[in-house]
């Protein structure tokens, strides 16, 4: 068992409760951790026996193309999409960060983390 991490995935998306966020969009950063038994892949040097990083990136990208009011909902959608694609994933942690959220003051990021 091991952990595969993709960190600092950056996207522009249209997620938030304010109309301006859903119209103009904002910058988002996604961090993922997937607990996977990749021992056979490591022994055989075979990508078909593990998680394909590029494919995971594309899964996240597809979910960011939609629209959600809540970061919690977006994180859950990403997590569920990964589980639908990969049977061998034991646990997924998704952190979704909205950069410079419109809070009326200075805030670098608002984040939620979901683990299942």
C-alpha atoms as a PDB file:
ATOM      1  CA  UNK A   1       0.000   0.000   0.000  1.00  0.00           C
ATOM      2  CA  UNK A   2       1.197   3.485  -0.761  1.00  0.00           C
ATOM      3  CA  UNK A   3       0.028   7.017  -1.366  1.00  0.00           C
ATOM      4  CA  UNK A   4      -0.094   8.811  -4.682  1.00  0.00           C
ATOM      5  CA  UNK A   5      -0.318  12.599  -4.325  1.00  0.00           C
ATOM      6  CA  UNK A   6      -1.065  15.257  -6.903  1.00  0.00           C
ATOM      7  CA  UNK A   7      -0.526  18.697  -5.432  1.00  0.00           C
ATOM      8  CA  UNK A   8      -1.129  22.199  -6.641  1.00  0.00           C
ATOM      9  CA  UNK A   9      -3.435  21.438  -9.576  1.00  0.00           C
ATOM     10  CA  UNK A  10      -4.606  24.867 -10.743  1.00  0.00           C
ATOM     11  CA  UNK A  11      -7.820  25.668 -12.583  1.00  0.00           C
ATOM     12  CA  UNK A  12     -10.175  28.526 -13.336  1.00  0.00           C
ATOM     13  CA  UNK A  13     -13.732  27.687 -12.319  1.00  0.00           C
ATOM     14  CA  UNK A  14     -17.192  29.092 -11.691  1.00  0.00           C
ATOM     15  CA  UNK A  15     -17.994  27.877  -8.187  1.00  0.00           C
ATOM     16  CA  UNK A  16     -19.418  29.891  -5.323  1.00  0.00           C
ATOM     17  CA  UNK A  17     -22.587  31.265  -3.792  1.00  0.00           C
ATOM     18  CA  UNK A  18     -22.146  34.803  -5.146  1.00  0.00           C
ATOM     19  CA  UNK A  19     -23.419  35.512  -8.652  1.00  0.00           C
ATOM     20  CA  UNK A  20     -20.144  37.244  -9.551  1.00  0.00           C
ATOM     21  CA  UNK A  21     -18.205  34.066  -8.723  1.00  0.00           C
ATOM     22  CA  UNK A  22     -20.477  32.026 -10.958  1.00  0.00           C
ATOM     23  CA  UNK A  23     -20.234  34.593 -13.786  1.00  0.00           C
ATOM     24  CA  UNK A  24     -16.601  35.758 -13.637  1.00  0.00           C
ATOM     25  CA  UNK A  25     -15.066  32.716 -12.030  1.00  0.00           C
ATOM     26  CA  UNK A  26     -12.115  32.379  -9.725  1.00  0.00           C
ATOM     27  CA  UNK A  27      -8.831  30.482  -9.374  1.00  0.00           C
ATOM     28  CA  UNK A  28      -8.875  27.106  -7.650  1.00  0.00           C
ATOM     29  CA  UNK A  29      -6.164  24.797  -6.415  1.00  0.00           C
ATOM     30  CA  UNK A  30      -6.701  21.069  -5.864  1.00  0.00           C
ATOM     31  CA  UNK A  31      -4.552  18.687  -3.803  1.00  0.00           C
ATOM     32  CA  UNK A  32      -5.206  14.938  -3.879  1.00  0.00           C
ATOM     33  CA  UNK A  33      -3.988  11.908  -1.983  1.00  0.00           C
ATOM     34  CA  UNK A  34      -4.974   8.412  -3.102  1.00  0.00           C
ATOM     35  CA  UNK A  35      -4.131   5.365  -1.016  1.00  0.00           C
ATOM     36  CA  UNK A  36      -3.508   2.550  -3.475  1.00  0.00           C
ATOM     37  CA  UNK A  37      -1.944  -0.896  -3.460  1.00  0.00           C
ATOM     38  CA  UNK A  38       0.562  -0.298  -6.259  1.00  0.00           C
ATOM     39  CA  UNK A  39       2.992  -3.087  -5.368  1.00  0.00           C
ATOM     40  CA  UNK A  40       2.274  -5.052  -8.588  1.00  0.00           C
ATOM     41  CA  UNK A  41       2.736  -1.880 -10.653  1.00  0.00           C
ATOM     42  CA  UNK A  42       6.048  -1.190  -8.934  1.00  0.00           C
ATOM     43  CA  UNK A  43       7.309  -4.738  -9.495  1.00  0.00           C
ATOM     44  CA  UNK A  44       6.162  -4.920 -13.120  1.00  0.00           C
ATOM     45  CA  UNK A  45       6.735  -1.257 -14.048  1.00  0.00           C
ATOM     46  CA  UNK A  46       3.217  -1.230 -15.533  1.00  0.00           C
ATOM     47  CA  UNK A  47       0.955   1.829 -15.459  1.00  0.00           C
ATOM     48  CA  UNK A  48      -2.087  -0.389 -16.051  1.00  0.00           C
ATOM     49  CA  UNK A  49      -1.652  -1.779 -12.524  1.00  0.00           C
ATOM     50  CA  UNK A  50      -1.872   1.574 -10.761  1.00  0.00           C
ATOM     51  CA  UNK A  51      -3.472   5.002 -11.015  1.00  0.00           C
ATOM     52  CA  UNK A  52      -2.651   7.084 -14.085  1.00  0.00           C
ATOM     53  CA  UNK A  53      -1.794  10.620 -12.857  1.00  0.00           C
ATOM     54  CA  UNK A  54      -2.760  12.223 -16.142  1.00  0.00           C
ATOM     55  CA  UNK A  55      -6.150  10.549 -16.065  1.00  0.00           C
ATOM     56  CA  UNK A  56      -6.738  11.743 -12.499  1.00  0.00           C
ATOM     57  CA  UNK A  57      -5.864  15.278 -13.603  1.00  0.00           C
ATOM     58  CA  UNK A  58      -8.438  15.019 -16.400  1.00  0.00           C
ATOM     59  CA  UNK A  59     -11.076  13.754 -13.938  1.00  0.00           C
ATOM     60  CA  UNK A  60     -10.471  16.801 -11.733  1.00  0.00           C
ATOM     61  CA  UNK A  61     -10.484  19.127 -14.736  1.00  0.00           C
ATOM     62  CA  UNK A  62     -13.852  17.770 -15.869  1.00  0.00           C
ATOM     63  CA  UNK A  63     -15.416  18.341 -12.433  1.00  0.00           C
ATOM     64  CA  UNK A  64     -14.023  21.908 -12.332  1.00  0.00           C
ATOM     65  CA  UNK A  65     -15.723  22.653 -15.656  1.00  0.00           C
ATOM     66  CA  UNK A  66     -19.124  22.331 -13.981  1.00  0.00           C
ATOM     67  CA  UNK A  67     -20.587  24.678 -11.414  1.00  0.00           C
ATOM     68  CA  UNK A  68     -21.213  24.242  -7.685  1.00  0.00           C
ATOM     69  CA  UNK A  69     -22.280  26.586  -4.934  1.00  0.00           C
ATOM     70  CA  UNK A  70     -20.121  24.937  -2.265  1.00  0.00           C
ATOM     71  CA  UNK A  71     -16.498  23.822  -2.187  1.00  0.00           C
ATOM     72  CA  UNK A  72     -17.708  20.870  -0.117  1.00  0.00           C
ATOM     73  CA  UNK A  73     -19.905  19.732  -3.009  1.00  0.00           C
ATOM     74  CA  UNK A  74     -17.105  20.160  -5.542  1.00  0.00           C
ATOM     75  CA  UNK A  75     -14.659  18.163  -3.384  1.00  0.00           C
ATOM     76  CA  UNK A  76     -17.204  15.369  -2.978  1.00  0.00           C
ATOM     77  CA  UNK A  77     -17.845  15.258  -6.749  1.00  0.00           C
ATOM     78  CA  UNK A  78     -14.107  14.902  -7.438  1.00  0.00           C
ATOM     79  CA  UNK A  79     -13.729  12.185  -4.818  1.00  0.00           C
ATOM     80  CA  UNK A  80     -16.679  10.183  -6.156  1.00  0.00           C
ATOM     81  CA  UNK A  81     -15.481  10.500  -9.768  1.00  0.00           C
ATOM     82  CA  UNK A  82     -12.106   9.031  -8.780  1.00  0.00           C
ATOM     83  CA  UNK A  83     -13.768   6.108  -6.995  1.00  0.00           C
ATOM     84  CA  UNK A  84     -15.985   5.453 -10.037  1.00  0.00           C
ATOM     85  CA  UNK A  85     -12.898   5.198 -12.257  1.00  0.00           C
ATOM     86  CA  UNK A  86     -10.513   3.251 -10.001  1.00  0.00           C
ATOM     87  CA  UNK A  87     -11.637   0.149  -8.109  1.00  0.00           C
ATOM     88  CA  UNK A  88      -8.269  -0.330  -6.411  1.00  0.00           C
ATOM     89  CA  UNK A  89      -8.235   3.000  -4.576  1.00  0.00           C
ATOM     90  CA  UNK A  90      -8.619   2.409  -0.828  1.00  0.00           C
ATOM     91  CA  UNK A  91      -8.947   6.008   0.342  1.00  0.00           C
ATOM     92  CA  UNK A  92      -9.080   9.430  -1.300  1.00  0.00           C
ATOM     93  CA  UNK A  93      -8.436  12.828   0.235  1.00  0.00           C
ATOM     94  CA  UNK A  94      -9.378  15.890  -1.799  1.00  0.00           C
ATOM     95  CA  UNK A  95      -8.522  19.437  -0.765  1.00  0.00           C
ATOM     96  CA  UNK A  96     -10.223  22.190  -2.771  1.00  0.00           C
ATOM     97  CA  UNK A  97      -8.984  25.752  -2.299  1.00  0.00           C
ATOM     98  CA  UNK A  98     -10.550  28.893  -3.725  1.00  0.00           C
ATOM     99  CA  UNK A  99      -7.832  31.518  -4.100  1.00  0.00           C
ATOM    100  CA  UNK A 100      -8.616  35.079  -3.031  1.00  0.00           C
ATOM    101  CA  UNK A 101     -12.234  34.364  -2.050  1.00  0.00           C
ATOM    102  CA  UNK A 102     -14.566  37.378  -1.940  1.00  0.00           C
ATOM    103  CA  UNK A 103     -14.817  37.797   1.833  1.00  0.00           C
ATOM    104  CA  UNK A 104     -14.575  41.579   2.042  1.00  0.00           C
ATOM    105  CA  UNK A 105     -10.994  41.434   3.272  1.00  0.00           C
ATOM    106  CA  UNK A 106      -7.660  39.772   2.676  1.00  0.00           C
ATOM    107  CA  UNK A 107      -7.733  35.979   2.496  1.00  0.00           C
ATOM    108  CA  UNK A 108      -5.303  33.969   0.389  1.00  0.00           C
ATOM    109  CA  UNK A 109      -7.530  30.923   0.164  1.00  0.00           C
ATOM    110  CA  UNK A 110     -10.605  29.219   1.529  1.00  0.00           C
ATOM    111  CA  UNK A 111     -10.264  25.429   1.622  1.00  0.00           C
ATOM    112  CA  UNK A 112     -12.202  22.297   2.384  1.00  0.00           C
ATOM    113  CA  UNK A 113     -10.819  18.804   2.701  1.00  0.00           C
ATOM    114  CA  UNK A 114     -12.867  15.645   2.234  1.00  0.00           C
ATOM    115  CA  UNK A 115     -11.659  12.104   2.937  1.00  0.00           C
ATOM    116  CA  UNK A 116     -13.478   8.845   2.235  1.00  0.00           C
END
